[in-house]
Amino acid sequence: MSILHKTHDEEIKQFQQETAHRQRTEDLVLEINRELEESVQKLFDIKKSLEEKNRELENAYAHLHTSETNLNTIIEKNADGIVIVDKDGIILFVNPAAITLFGRKPEELIGNAFGFPILVGEAAEIDIIRQAKERVLVEMHLVEIEWMEKPVYLASLRDITERRKMEEGLKNAEASKFESIGILAGGIAHDFNNILTIIIGQISLAKMYSDPGDKIFERLQDAEKASQRAKNLTQQLLTFARGGEPIKKITAIPKLLEDTTKFAMSGSNVGCKFSIPDGVCPVECDEGQISQVINNLIFNAKESMPQGGMIEVGAENRYREDKMYVMVSIRDYGYGIPNEHLKKIFDPYFTTKQKGSGMGLATAMSIIKKHNGYIEVKSMLGKGTTFFIFLPASEKEIVYEKEKRRAAINGYGKILLMDDEESLLEITGAILEEFGYQVQKTLNGQEAIEQYQKAMESAYPFDVVVLDLTIPGGMGGKETMQRLLEIDPEVKAIVSSGYSTDHVMAEFGKYGFKDVVSKPYNPEEMHHALQKVICLTGA
């Protein structure tokens, strides 16, 4: 029984073991099946993702192809020339517009040197000379790009030949317009100066007949000052009209600066602060022209501060390039000038003002250059602007008006006075006779020559001849002087004019004249010039 019982137990145990093993096997199979299912699902997801990525790549490729096609079309059809240049300056690519600009075949360009400056980020103008010797003006812009996985330069070339011709045409038209206005202004100034000389002469003559203590004398002095202001205005007209050489004399810049600034500032809501030390050197300048420069700069400074403010005006001696100059500074605290405009503000016709002519600073630059000086500017946007004027200092001493009057109280000598304005002849002659001169008057050059020759043949020749430079419809001062020099190489003459388009007034000595008196003049100026020339004659 025990043997049978043992065998049965062993069979049961074996069965249990086999059952357990089978269960583990089934569990393992199930686990493997689950992992297989998950792997299959992952593979399916990967496949789906790859298919989606593939579609995206196909779309991207299609878009890229379209973009490349569009870009090629843009480059090929672009009116501007496109040139790709490598780092060594060798041309790698040209579009049809560039081929047309250069007037050469592609194989004559590609592989050859570009031949123009590589200025990245800057606009430059270049000249292209075609094979037919035709000159093309081109505006070039250069940028750095990647091309075929290499750093290169892309040059954009635009033909601006016709645009420049149009600009030059417009400039010439503007210049012609301003020249016409200038001729008109000069004519007005000439006539007005004649009238003003008569007015100043009448005032001076009336002062001679009045007592300095009388009220009428004070009124006449006020009228004389007003006439002087009118003289300054006509001087500005003349400068605009002729753009001529300055008529220089030794001048105290501090007084000129203060007088001009105060006059320009009258009625303004802007204040002015002067900083002018003692000992500022005199300069040799045309007072009217320098006054115009100062007036223009003060006007611009006022305009930059519409809400009011303070303008600082200064003058001092300053060495520059081993030479002494008088430096004038005019500073405002207004808008300031943008950097891109600073290099252009002295260009004719350049203006940012709606009603500006663009001639103010250009005229100022022209005037200062003709005085052998410099004009410079510093500006900061929102902080203000400072202009600096450098005028060569003079070692000569200033002879003030009071000294002139004391130096010659009584006039003497025989004077021949030529002018086409009868009223001016009458008043000037009357004043000079009051001074003690013997005066003979004539209306034109031919009469002046006849009277001078007749006086030479007598015992009483003329000591000095005063010639008006411009005689409408007749012989003017320049031609008359040439004829007089033929008759008498020792002739002593003074040239006078209210307007001149040539250099006679500024370079009177080259034409035989001994001195110059600009209209409108006061009698003391003519008196002083006559005495100076008479003293030269030894009379």
Protein backbone atom coordinates (compact mmCIF):
# COMPACT_ATOMS: atom_id res chain seq x y z
CA MET A 1 0.00 0.00 0.00
CA SER A 2 2.79 2.38 0.88
CA ILE A 3 4.44 1.89 -2.51
CA LEU A 4 1.25 2.57 -4.39
CA HIS A 5 0.51 5.63 -2.25
CA LYS A 6 3.99 7.07 -2.90
CA THR A 7 3.69 6.64 -6.63
CA HIS A 8 0.36 8.40 -6.68
CA ASP A 9 1.76 11.36 -4.74
CA GLU A 10 4.64 11.67 -7.11
CA GLU A 11 2.30 11.67 -10.08
CA ILE A 12 0.23 14.42 -8.48
CA LYS A 13 3.35 16.48 -7.77
CA GLN A 14 4.61 15.96 -11.30
CA PHE A 15 1.25 17.01 -12.68
CA GLN A 16 1.27 20.11 -10.59
CA GLN A 17 4.75 20.96 -11.80
CA GLU A 18 3.78 20.42 -15.41
CA THR A 19 0.67 22.51 -14.90
CA ALA A 20 2.73 25.34 -13.37
CA HIS A 21 5.28 25.16 -16.18
CA ARG A 22 2.53 25.26 -18.77
CA GLN A 23 1.00 28.28 -17.03
CA ARG A 24 4.34 30.11 -17.06
CA THR A 25 4.77 29.28 -20.71
CA GLU A 26 1.34 30.62 -21.53
CA ASP A 27 2.07 33.79 -19.52
CA LEU A 28 5.36 34.25 -21.36
CA VAL A 29 3.62 33.80 -24.70
CA LEU A 30 1.02 36.36 -23.71
CA GLU A 31 3.76 38.82 -22.66
CA ILE A 32 5.61 38.28 -25.92
CA ASN A 33 2.37 38.79 -27.83
CA ARG A 34 1.76 42.07 -26.00
CA GLU A 35 5.29 43.28 -26.72
CA LEU A 36 4.92 42.25 -30.34
CA GLU A 37 1.64 44.13 -30.59
CA GLU A 38 3.24 47.22 -29.02
CA SER A 39 6.23 46.99 -31.38
CA VAL A 40 3.95 46.61 -34.34
CA GLN A 41 1.97 49.65 -33.16
CA LYS A 42 5.18 51.65 -32.77
CA LEU A 43 6.32 50.60 -36.20
CA PHE A 44 2.96 51.61 -37.58
CA ASP A 45 3.22 55.00 -35.86
CA ILE A 46 6.75 55.45 -37.15
CA LYS A 47 5.61 54.55 -40.62
CA LYS A 48 2.78 57.04 -40.36
CA SER A 49 5.12 59.72 -39.08
CA LEU A 50 7.61 58.99 -41.83
CA GLU A 51 4.90 59.20 -44.42
CA GLU A 52 3.80 62.56 -42.96
CA LYS A 53 7.40 63.83 -42.90
CA ASN A 54 7.85 62.64 -46.43
CA ARG A 55 4.79 64.60 -47.51
CA GLU A 56 6.14 67.66 -45.70
CA LEU A 57 9.51 67.27 -47.38
CA GLU A 58 7.83 66.87 -50.73
CA ASN A 59 5.83 70.07 -50.07
CA ALA A 60 8.92 71.88 -48.84
CA TYR A 61 10.83 70.77 -51.91
CA ALA A 62 7.99 71.95 -54.11
CA HIS A 63 7.94 75.32 -52.30
CA LEU A 64 11.73 75.55 -52.51
CA HIS A 65 11.61 74.76 -56.20
CA THR A 66 8.92 77.41 -56.67
CA SER A 67 10.94 79.93 -54.64
CA GLU A 68 14.08 79.17 -56.60
CA THR A 69 12.14 79.55 -59.81
CA ASN A 70 10.66 82.85 -58.60
CA LEU A 71 14.05 84.06 -57.36
CA ASN A 72 15.68 83.16 -60.65
CA THR A 73 12.87 84.93 -62.45
CA ILE A 74 13.33 88.01 -60.25
CA ILE A 75 17.09 88.00 -60.81
CA GLU A 76 16.74 87.38 -64.53
CA LYS A 77 13.98 89.95 -65.01
CA ASN A 78 15.33 92.54 -62.52
CA ALA A 79 16.00 95.92 -64.12
CA ASP A 80 18.97 96.33 -61.77
CA GLY A 81 22.17 94.52 -62.56
CA ILE A 82 23.03 91.69 -60.14
CA VAL A 83 26.65 90.59 -59.87
CA ILE A 84 28.00 87.97 -57.47
CA VAL A 85 31.68 88.37 -56.62
CA ASP A 86 33.86 86.07 -54.53
CA LYS A 87 36.19 87.19 -51.74
CA ASP A 88 39.02 87.57 -54.24
CA GLY A 89 36.99 89.99 -56.35
CA ILE A 90 36.29 87.51 -59.16
CA ILE A 91 32.86 87.58 -60.85
CA LEU A 92 30.91 84.36 -60.35
CA PHE A 93 27.50 85.34 -61.72
CA VAL A 94 25.84 88.14 -63.70
CA ASN A 95 22.19 88.62 -64.57
CA PRO A 96 20.99 89.91 -67.98
CA ALA A 97 20.64 93.49 -66.69
CA ALA A 98 24.27 93.47 -65.56
CA ILE A 99 25.32 92.09 -68.95
CA THR A 100 23.49 95.01 -70.60
CA LEU A 101 25.08 97.53 -68.21
CA PHE A 102 28.59 96.32 -68.95
CA GLY A 103 27.86 95.88 -72.64
CA ARG A 104 29.76 92.56 -72.72
CA LYS A 105 29.05 88.85 -73.11
CA PRO A 106 28.67 86.68 -69.96
CA GLU A 107 31.88 84.76 -70.72
CA GLU A 108 33.75 88.08 -70.87
CA LEU A 109 32.62 88.87 -67.33
CA ILE A 110 32.41 85.59 -65.39
CA GLY A 111 35.81 84.53 -64.12
CA ASN A 112 37.31 88.00 -64.50
CA ALA A 113 38.02 90.66 -61.89
CA PHE A 114 35.11 92.87 -60.81
CA GLY A 115 37.37 95.94 -60.90
CA PHE A 116 35.43 98.21 -58.54
CA PRO A 117 35.90 99.04 -54.82
CA ILE A 118 34.27 96.57 -52.41
CA LEU A 119 32.40 98.87 -50.00
CA VAL A 120 29.95 96.71 -48.05
CA GLY A 121 26.88 98.52 -46.73
CA GLU A 122 27.68 101.80 -48.52
CA ALA A 123 26.19 103.30 -51.65
CA ALA A 124 28.78 104.21 -54.25
CA GLU A 125 28.68 105.76 -57.70
CA ILE A 126 30.85 104.12 -60.35
CA ASP A 127 31.52 104.77 -64.02
CA ILE A 128 31.20 101.88 -66.44
CA ILE A 129 32.80 102.45 -69.83
CA ARG A 130 31.28 100.20 -72.45
CA GLN A 131 33.17 98.91 -75.46
CA ALA A 132 31.61 101.63 -77.59
CA LYS A 133 33.26 104.22 -75.28
CA GLU A 134 29.84 104.98 -73.86
CA ARG A 135 29.94 106.15 -70.24
CA VAL A 136 27.26 104.83 -67.87
CA LEU A 137 26.87 106.26 -64.38
CA VAL A 138 25.87 103.47 -61.98
CA GLU A 139 24.78 103.44 -58.34
CA MET A 140 26.17 100.36 -56.57
CA HIS A 141 25.12 98.69 -53.31
CA LEU A 142 27.11 95.75 -51.89
CA VAL A 143 26.08 93.17 -49.27
CA GLU A 144 27.66 89.94 -48.00
CA ILE A 145 25.68 86.69 -48.56
CA GLU A 146 26.12 82.90 -48.62
CA TRP A 147 26.12 81.46 -52.15
CA MET A 148 26.72 77.78 -52.81
CA GLU A 149 27.85 77.45 -49.18
CA LYS A 150 30.52 80.11 -49.64
CA PRO A 151 30.67 83.73 -48.42
CA VAL A 152 30.41 86.12 -51.39
CA TYR A 153 29.46 89.69 -52.24
CA LEU A 154 26.24 90.58 -54.02
CA ALA A 155 26.44 93.84 -55.96
CA SER A 156 23.26 95.59 -57.03
CA LEU A 157 23.87 97.99 -59.94
CA ARG A 158 21.41 100.66 -61.04
CA ASP A 159 21.86 102.87 -64.11
CA ILE A 160 21.35 106.47 -62.91
CA THR A 161 22.68 108.20 -66.02
CA GLU A 162 19.31 109.61 -67.09
CA ARG A 163 18.33 110.49 -63.53
CA ARG A 164 21.55 112.46 -63.10
CA LYS A 165 20.94 114.26 -66.40
CA MET A 166 17.49 115.23 -65.16
CA GLU A 167 18.90 116.41 -61.84
CA GLU A 168 21.53 118.48 -63.61
CA GLY A 169 18.83 119.90 -65.85
CA LEU A 170 16.75 120.88 -62.83
CA LYS A 171 19.80 122.40 -61.14
CA ASN A 172 20.60 124.39 -64.27
CA ALA A 173 17.01 125.56 -64.44
CA GLU A 174 17.16 126.58 -60.77
CA ALA A 175 20.50 128.29 -61.32
CA SER A 176 19.08 130.14 -64.32
CA LYS A 177 16.08 131.20 -62.26
CA PHE A 178 18.28 132.44 -59.42
CA GLU A 179 20.56 134.19 -61.92
CA SER A 180 17.56 136.02 -63.34
CA ILE A 181 16.40 136.93 -59.85
CA GLY A 182 19.95 137.98 -59.04
CA ILE A 183 20.11 140.31 -62.06
CA LEU A 184 16.77 141.81 -61.04
CA ALA A 185 17.94 142.17 -57.42
CA GLY A 186 21.17 143.80 -58.58
CA GLY A 187 19.29 146.29 -60.72
CA ILE A 188 16.97 147.16 -57.86
CA ALA A 189 19.93 147.54 -55.50
CA HIS A 190 21.76 149.78 -57.98
CA ASP A 191 18.81 152.14 -58.37
CA PHE A 192 18.00 152.05 -54.66
CA ASN A 193 21.61 152.82 -53.70
CA ASN A 194 21.59 155.86 -55.93
CA ILE A 195 18.41 157.06 -54.24
CA LEU A 196 19.81 156.23 -50.81
CA THR A 197 23.01 158.16 -51.56
CA ILE A 198 20.86 161.19 -52.42
CA ILE A 199 18.85 160.79 -49.19
CA ILE A 200 21.99 160.42 -47.05
CA GLY A 201 23.52 163.42 -48.83
CA GLN A 202 20.47 165.58 -48.21
CA ILE A 203 20.47 164.59 -44.54
CA SER A 204 24.18 165.39 -44.24
CA LEU A 205 23.70 168.76 -45.96
CA ALA A 206 20.78 169.57 -43.65
CA LYS A 207 22.95 168.68 -40.63
CA MET A 208 25.58 171.15 -41.85
CA TYR A 209 22.98 173.91 -41.79
CA SER A 210 21.64 173.01 -38.31
CA ASP A 211 22.99 173.38 -34.80
CA PRO A 212 24.02 170.12 -33.02
CA GLY A 213 21.94 171.24 -30.03
CA ASP A 214 18.72 171.61 -32.03
CA LYS A 215 15.99 168.94 -31.99
CA ILE A 216 16.04 168.90 -35.78
CA PHE A 217 19.69 167.81 -35.60
CA GLU A 218 18.71 164.81 -33.45
CA ARG A 219 15.94 163.93 -35.91
CA LEU A 220 18.41 164.10 -38.77
CA GLN A 221 20.78 161.80 -36.91
CA ASP A 222 17.96 159.26 -36.45
CA ALA A 223 17.16 159.46 -40.16
CA GLU A 224 20.85 158.94 -40.92
CA LYS A 225 20.91 155.77 -38.76
CA ALA A 226 17.78 154.46 -40.51
CA SER A 227 19.46 155.07 -43.86
CA GLN A 228 22.45 153.08 -42.67
CA ARG A 229 20.14 150.12 -41.93
CA ALA A 230 18.69 150.43 -45.41
CA LYS A 231 22.27 150.39 -46.73
CA ASN A 232 22.85 147.04 -44.98
CA LEU A 233 19.73 145.59 -46.59
CA THR A 234 20.80 146.63 -50.09
CA GLN A 235 24.23 145.15 -49.39
CA GLN A 236 22.53 141.79 -48.82
CA LEU A 237 20.72 142.19 -52.13
CA LEU A 238 24.03 142.90 -53.85
CA THR A 239 25.72 139.87 -52.34
CA PHE A 240 22.87 137.65 -53.52
CA ALA A 241 22.86 139.30 -56.94
CA ARG A 242 26.52 139.23 -57.81
CA GLY A 243 28.15 136.58 -55.62
CA GLY A 244 31.13 138.82 -56.33
CA GLU A 245 34.43 139.52 -54.67
CA PRO A 246 34.23 141.19 -51.26
CA ILE A 247 35.17 144.88 -50.95
CA LYS A 248 37.35 144.60 -47.87
CA LYS A 249 38.36 147.04 -45.20
CA ILE A 250 39.83 146.69 -41.71
CA THR A 251 36.94 145.86 -39.40
CA ALA A 252 36.36 145.29 -35.70
CA ILE A 253 34.50 141.98 -35.61
CA PRO A 254 33.10 142.39 -32.03
CA LYS A 255 31.20 145.56 -32.96
CA LEU A 256 30.00 144.15 -36.28
CA LEU A 257 28.91 140.95 -34.53
CA GLU A 258 27.02 142.76 -31.77
CA ASP A 259 25.34 145.30 -34.07
CA THR A 260 24.23 142.67 -36.63
CA THR A 261 23.01 140.23 -33.96
CA LYS A 262 21.02 142.85 -32.05
CA PHE A 263 19.39 144.04 -35.26
CA ALA A 264 18.56 140.44 -36.32
CA MET A 265 17.17 139.64 -32.85
CA SER A 266 14.82 142.64 -32.62
CA GLY A 267 11.24 141.61 -31.88
CA SER A 268 12.20 138.01 -31.19
CA ASN A 269 11.24 135.79 -28.23
CA VAL A 270 14.80 134.46 -28.21
CA GLY A 271 17.49 135.97 -26.00
CA CYS A 272 21.16 136.48 -26.78
CA LYS A 273 24.30 136.14 -24.66
CA PHE A 274 27.62 137.58 -25.88
CA SER A 275 31.00 136.19 -24.90
CA ILE A 276 33.66 138.43 -26.47
CA PRO A 277 36.92 139.11 -24.60
CA ASP A 278 39.07 142.21 -25.08
CA GLY A 279 41.87 142.05 -27.60
CA VAL A 280 40.06 140.34 -30.48
CA CYS A 281 42.12 140.99 -33.62
CA PRO A 282 40.71 143.07 -36.45
CA VAL A 283 39.98 141.38 -39.77
CA GLU A 284 40.00 142.60 -43.36
CA CYS A 285 36.53 141.92 -44.67
CA ASP A 286 33.48 143.16 -46.51
CA GLU A 287 31.28 144.31 -43.63
CA GLY A 288 28.06 143.93 -45.59
CA GLN A 289 28.82 140.35 -46.65
CA ILE A 290 29.98 139.20 -43.19
CA SER A 291 26.92 140.89 -41.70
CA GLN A 292 24.78 138.86 -44.09
CA VAL A 293 26.46 135.61 -42.97
CA ILE A 294 25.87 136.45 -39.30
CA ASN A 295 22.29 137.48 -40.03
CA ASN A 296 21.60 134.14 -41.81
CA LEU A 297 23.04 132.10 -38.94
CA ILE A 298 21.12 134.09 -36.29
CA PHE A 299 17.91 133.69 -38.29
CA ASN A 300 18.41 129.90 -38.50
CA ALA A 301 19.16 129.76 -34.77
CA LYS A 302 15.94 131.65 -33.98
CA GLU A 303 13.91 129.35 -36.22
CA SER A 304 15.26 126.28 -34.41
CA MET A 305 13.79 127.53 -31.11
CA PRO A 306 10.17 128.54 -31.87
CA GLN A 307 9.26 128.38 -28.17
CA GLY A 308 12.08 130.75 -27.25
CA GLY A 309 15.49 130.17 -25.79
CA MET A 310 19.01 131.58 -25.72
CA ILE A 311 21.57 132.06 -28.49
CA GLU A 312 25.20 132.26 -27.45
CA VAL A 313 27.41 134.46 -29.63
CA GLY A 314 31.16 134.61 -29.18
CA ALA A 315 34.39 135.76 -30.81
CA GLU A 316 38.02 135.04 -29.92
CA ASN A 317 41.49 134.78 -31.40
CA ARG A 318 42.37 131.24 -32.40
CA TYR A 319 45.45 129.69 -34.05
CA ARG A 320 44.74 127.32 -36.91
CA GLU A 321 47.40 125.75 -39.12
CA ASP A 322 50.03 128.11 -37.60
CA LYS A 323 48.00 131.16 -38.56
CA MET A 324 45.96 133.55 -36.42
CA TYR A 325 42.22 133.68 -37.08
CA VAL A 326 39.26 135.35 -35.44
CA MET A 327 36.77 132.60 -34.59
CA VAL A 328 33.11 133.59 -34.40
CA SER A 329 30.73 131.08 -32.80
CA ILE A 330 26.93 131.09 -32.88
CA ARG A 331 25.24 128.43 -30.75
CA ASP A 332 21.54 127.58 -30.33
CA TYR A 333 19.75 124.99 -28.22
CA GLY A 334 17.15 124.04 -30.78
CA TYR A 335 16.24 120.95 -32.77
CA GLY A 336 19.72 120.11 -34.01
CA ILE A 337 20.61 118.79 -37.46
CA PRO A 338 20.40 115.05 -38.32
CA ASN A 339 23.75 113.47 -39.18
CA GLU A 340 22.61 112.56 -42.69
CA HIS A 341 21.97 116.26 -43.40
CA LEU A 342 25.19 117.71 -41.95
CA LYS A 343 27.23 117.04 -45.10
CA LYS A 344 24.58 118.63 -47.31
CA ILE A 345 23.59 121.84 -45.48
CA PHE A 346 26.08 123.98 -47.43
CA ASP A 347 24.95 122.57 -50.81
CA PRO A 348 23.06 125.03 -53.03
CA TYR A 349 19.28 124.45 -53.02
CA PHE A 350 19.43 121.91 -50.16
CA THR A 351 16.74 122.68 -47.60
CA THR A 352 14.43 120.85 -45.21
CA LYS A 353 12.17 123.91 -44.85
CA GLN A 354 8.87 124.05 -46.72
CA LYS A 355 9.48 127.67 -47.74
CA GLY A 356 13.29 127.62 -47.80
CA SER A 357 15.33 128.38 -50.91
CA GLY A 358 18.37 126.40 -49.77
CA MET A 359 20.64 129.36 -50.59
CA GLY A 360 21.28 130.87 -47.12
CA LEU A 361 24.07 128.58 -45.94
CA ALA A 362 25.40 128.09 -49.48
CA THR A 363 25.77 131.87 -49.75
CA ALA A 364 27.41 131.98 -46.31
CA MET A 365 29.93 129.33 -47.37
CA SER A 366 30.69 131.22 -50.59
CA ILE A 367 31.25 134.50 -48.74
CA ILE A 368 33.53 132.98 -46.10
CA LYS A 369 35.62 131.15 -48.72
CA LYS A 370 36.10 134.41 -50.62
CA HIS A 371 37.44 135.87 -47.37
CA ASN A 372 39.97 132.97 -47.23
CA GLY A 373 38.17 131.65 -44.16
CA TYR A 374 36.37 128.55 -42.98
CA ILE A 375 32.87 127.78 -41.76
CA GLU A 376 32.16 124.62 -39.75
CA VAL A 377 29.23 123.15 -37.85
CA LYS A 378 28.68 120.81 -34.93
CA SER A 379 25.21 119.56 -34.05
CA MET A 380 23.48 117.04 -31.83
CA LEU A 381 19.87 116.10 -32.48
CA GLY A 382 17.63 117.53 -29.78
CA LYS A 383 20.55 119.41 -28.18
CA GLY A 384 21.30 122.23 -30.60
CA THR A 385 23.78 123.47 -33.19
CA THR A 386 26.95 125.56 -33.18
CA PHE A 387 28.42 127.27 -36.25
CA PHE A 388 32.06 128.34 -36.27
CA ILE A 389 33.43 131.01 -38.62
CA PHE A 390 37.19 131.45 -38.99
CA LEU A 391 38.39 134.72 -40.59
CA PRO A 392 42.08 135.54 -41.06
CA ALA A 393 43.24 138.07 -38.48
CA SER A 394 44.84 141.30 -39.72
CA GLU A 395 47.86 143.10 -38.27
CA LYS A 396 46.58 146.46 -39.56
CA GLU A 397 45.02 148.96 -37.19
CA ILE A 398 41.41 150.08 -37.41
CA VAL A 399 40.89 153.74 -38.29
CA TYR A 400 37.59 154.69 -36.72
CA GLU A 401 35.17 157.14 -38.26
CA LYS A 402 35.79 159.85 -35.63
CA GLU A 403 39.51 159.70 -36.36
CA LYS A 404 38.78 160.07 -40.07
CA ARG A 405 36.77 163.21 -39.47
CA ARG A 406 39.43 164.77 -37.25
CA ALA A 407 42.15 163.87 -39.77
CA ALA A 408 40.62 166.08 -42.51
CA ILE A 409 38.30 168.94 -41.61
CA ASN A 410 38.60 171.15 -44.71
CA GLY A 411 38.64 169.85 -48.25
CA TYR A 412 40.76 171.22 -51.08
CA GLY A 413 41.39 170.34 -54.69
CA LYS A 414 39.63 170.30 -58.04
CA ILE A 415 37.30 167.32 -58.50
CA LEU A 416 35.65 165.90 -61.64
CA LEU A 417 32.49 164.04 -60.64
CA MET A 418 30.83 161.65 -63.16
CA ASP A 419 27.45 159.98 -62.51
CA ASP A 420 24.36 159.31 -64.62
CA GLU A 421 22.01 160.38 -61.78
CA GLU A 422 21.60 164.17 -61.92
CA SER A 423 20.11 164.48 -58.42
CA LEU A 424 23.03 162.53 -57.00
CA LEU A 425 25.49 164.77 -58.85
CA GLU A 426 23.81 167.88 -57.50
CA ILE A 427 23.73 166.84 -53.84
CA THR A 428 27.22 165.30 -53.84
CA GLY A 429 28.62 168.33 -55.60
CA ALA A 430 26.93 170.71 -53.17
CA ILE A 431 28.33 168.83 -50.15
CA LEU A 432 31.84 168.64 -51.56
CA GLU A 433 31.73 172.36 -52.29
CA GLU A 434 30.68 172.93 -48.68
CA PHE A 435 33.78 170.96 -47.70
CA GLY A 436 35.89 173.34 -49.79
CA TYR A 437 36.38 171.40 -53.03
CA GLN A 438 36.02 172.83 -56.55
CA VAL A 439 33.61 170.45 -58.27
CA GLN A 440 32.80 169.96 -61.93
CA LYS A 441 30.00 167.51 -62.84
CA THR A 442 29.35 165.33 -65.87
CA LEU A 443 26.77 162.69 -66.77
CA ASN A 444 28.80 160.22 -68.86
CA GLY A 445 32.25 158.99 -69.76
CA GLN A 446 32.63 160.87 -73.04
CA GLU A 447 31.89 164.20 -71.33
CA ALA A 448 34.30 163.31 -68.53
CA ILE A 449 37.12 162.60 -71.01
CA GLU A 450 36.50 165.89 -72.84
CA GLN A 451 36.43 167.93 -69.63
CA TYR A 452 39.54 166.20 -68.25
CA GLN A 453 41.49 166.81 -71.47
CA LYS A 454 40.37 170.43 -71.58
CA ALA A 455 41.45 170.95 -67.95
CA MET A 456 44.86 169.36 -68.69
CA GLU A 457 45.44 171.91 -71.40
CA SER A 458 44.63 174.72 -68.97
CA ALA A 459 46.56 175.85 -65.93
CA TYR A 460 44.11 174.11 -63.59
CA PRO A 461 43.91 170.32 -64.15
CA PHE A 462 41.76 168.05 -62.02
CA ASP A 463 43.30 166.63 -58.85
CA VAL A 464 40.92 163.67 -58.64
CA VAL A 465 38.28 162.09 -60.90
CA VAL A 466 35.33 160.22 -59.34
CA LEU A 467 33.77 157.78 -61.84
CA ASP A 468 30.51 155.89 -61.53
CA LEU A 469 31.20 152.37 -62.73
CA THR A 470 27.83 151.74 -64.41
CA ILE A 471 26.34 154.24 -66.87
CA PRO A 472 23.24 152.75 -68.58
CA GLY A 473 23.52 153.28 -72.35
CA GLY A 474 26.82 155.13 -72.04
CA MET A 475 30.51 154.82 -71.29
CA GLY A 476 31.00 153.56 -67.73
CA GLY A 477 33.79 154.07 -65.27
CA LYS A 478 35.98 151.15 -66.36
CA GLU A 479 36.16 152.16 -70.03
CA THR A 480 36.44 155.85 -69.14
CA MET A 481 39.41 155.08 -66.89
CA GLN A 482 41.18 153.22 -69.69
CA ARG A 483 40.75 156.23 -71.96
CA LEU A 484 41.93 158.63 -69.26
CA LEU A 485 45.06 156.55 -68.64
CA GLU A 486 45.87 156.86 -72.35
CA ILE A 487 45.56 160.64 -72.06
CA ASP A 488 47.28 160.94 -68.68
CA PRO A 489 49.09 157.92 -67.15
CA GLU A 490 49.26 159.89 -63.87
CA VAL A 491 45.49 160.36 -63.58
CA LYS A 492 44.16 159.90 -60.03
CA ALA A 493 40.69 158.37 -59.92
CA ILE A 494 38.18 156.89 -57.49
CA VAL A 495 35.64 154.31 -58.66
CA SER A 496 32.12 154.34 -57.22
CA SER A 497 29.08 152.15 -57.81
CA GLY A 498 25.92 150.84 -56.29
CA TYR A 499 26.29 147.55 -58.16
CA SER A 500 28.92 145.71 -60.16
CA THR A 501 28.95 142.33 -61.86
CA ASP A 502 32.73 142.34 -62.34
CA HIS A 503 35.72 142.58 -60.01
CA VAL A 504 36.50 146.26 -60.57
CA MET A 505 35.16 147.34 -57.17
CA ALA A 506 37.13 144.65 -55.32
CA GLU A 507 40.31 144.92 -57.42
CA PHE A 508 40.18 148.60 -58.32
CA GLY A 509 43.98 148.94 -58.30
CA LYS A 510 44.32 146.56 -61.27
CA TYR A 511 42.27 148.97 -63.37
CA GLY A 512 44.25 152.10 -62.44
CA PHE A 513 41.97 153.45 -59.71
CA LYS A 514 43.49 154.71 -56.45
CA ASP A 515 40.51 154.05 -54.19
CA VAL A 516 36.90 152.86 -54.12
CA VAL A 517 33.72 154.25 -52.55
CA SER A 518 30.63 152.05 -52.56
CA LYS A 519 27.16 153.51 -52.83
CA PRO A 520 25.38 154.46 -50.77
CA TYR A 521 28.11 156.51 -49.13
CA ASN A 522 27.96 159.34 -46.66
CA PRO A 523 29.79 162.57 -47.46
CA GLU A 524 32.51 161.87 -44.90
CA GLU A 525 33.43 158.61 -46.69
CA MET A 526 33.83 160.43 -50.01
CA HIS A 527 35.68 163.28 -48.29
CA HIS A 528 38.14 160.87 -46.68
CA ALA A 529 38.75 159.00 -49.96
CA LEU A 530 39.38 162.30 -51.80
CA GLN A 531 41.87 163.49 -49.20
CA LYS A 532 43.65 160.14 -49.30
CA VAL A 533 44.05 160.25 -53.07
CA ILE A 534 44.97 163.96 -53.15
CA CYS A 535 47.69 163.33 -50.59
CA LEU A 536 49.03 160.61 -52.89
CA THR A 537 49.27 163.19 -55.68
CA GLY A 538 51.27 165.54 -53.52
CA ALA A 539 48.76 168.30 -54.17
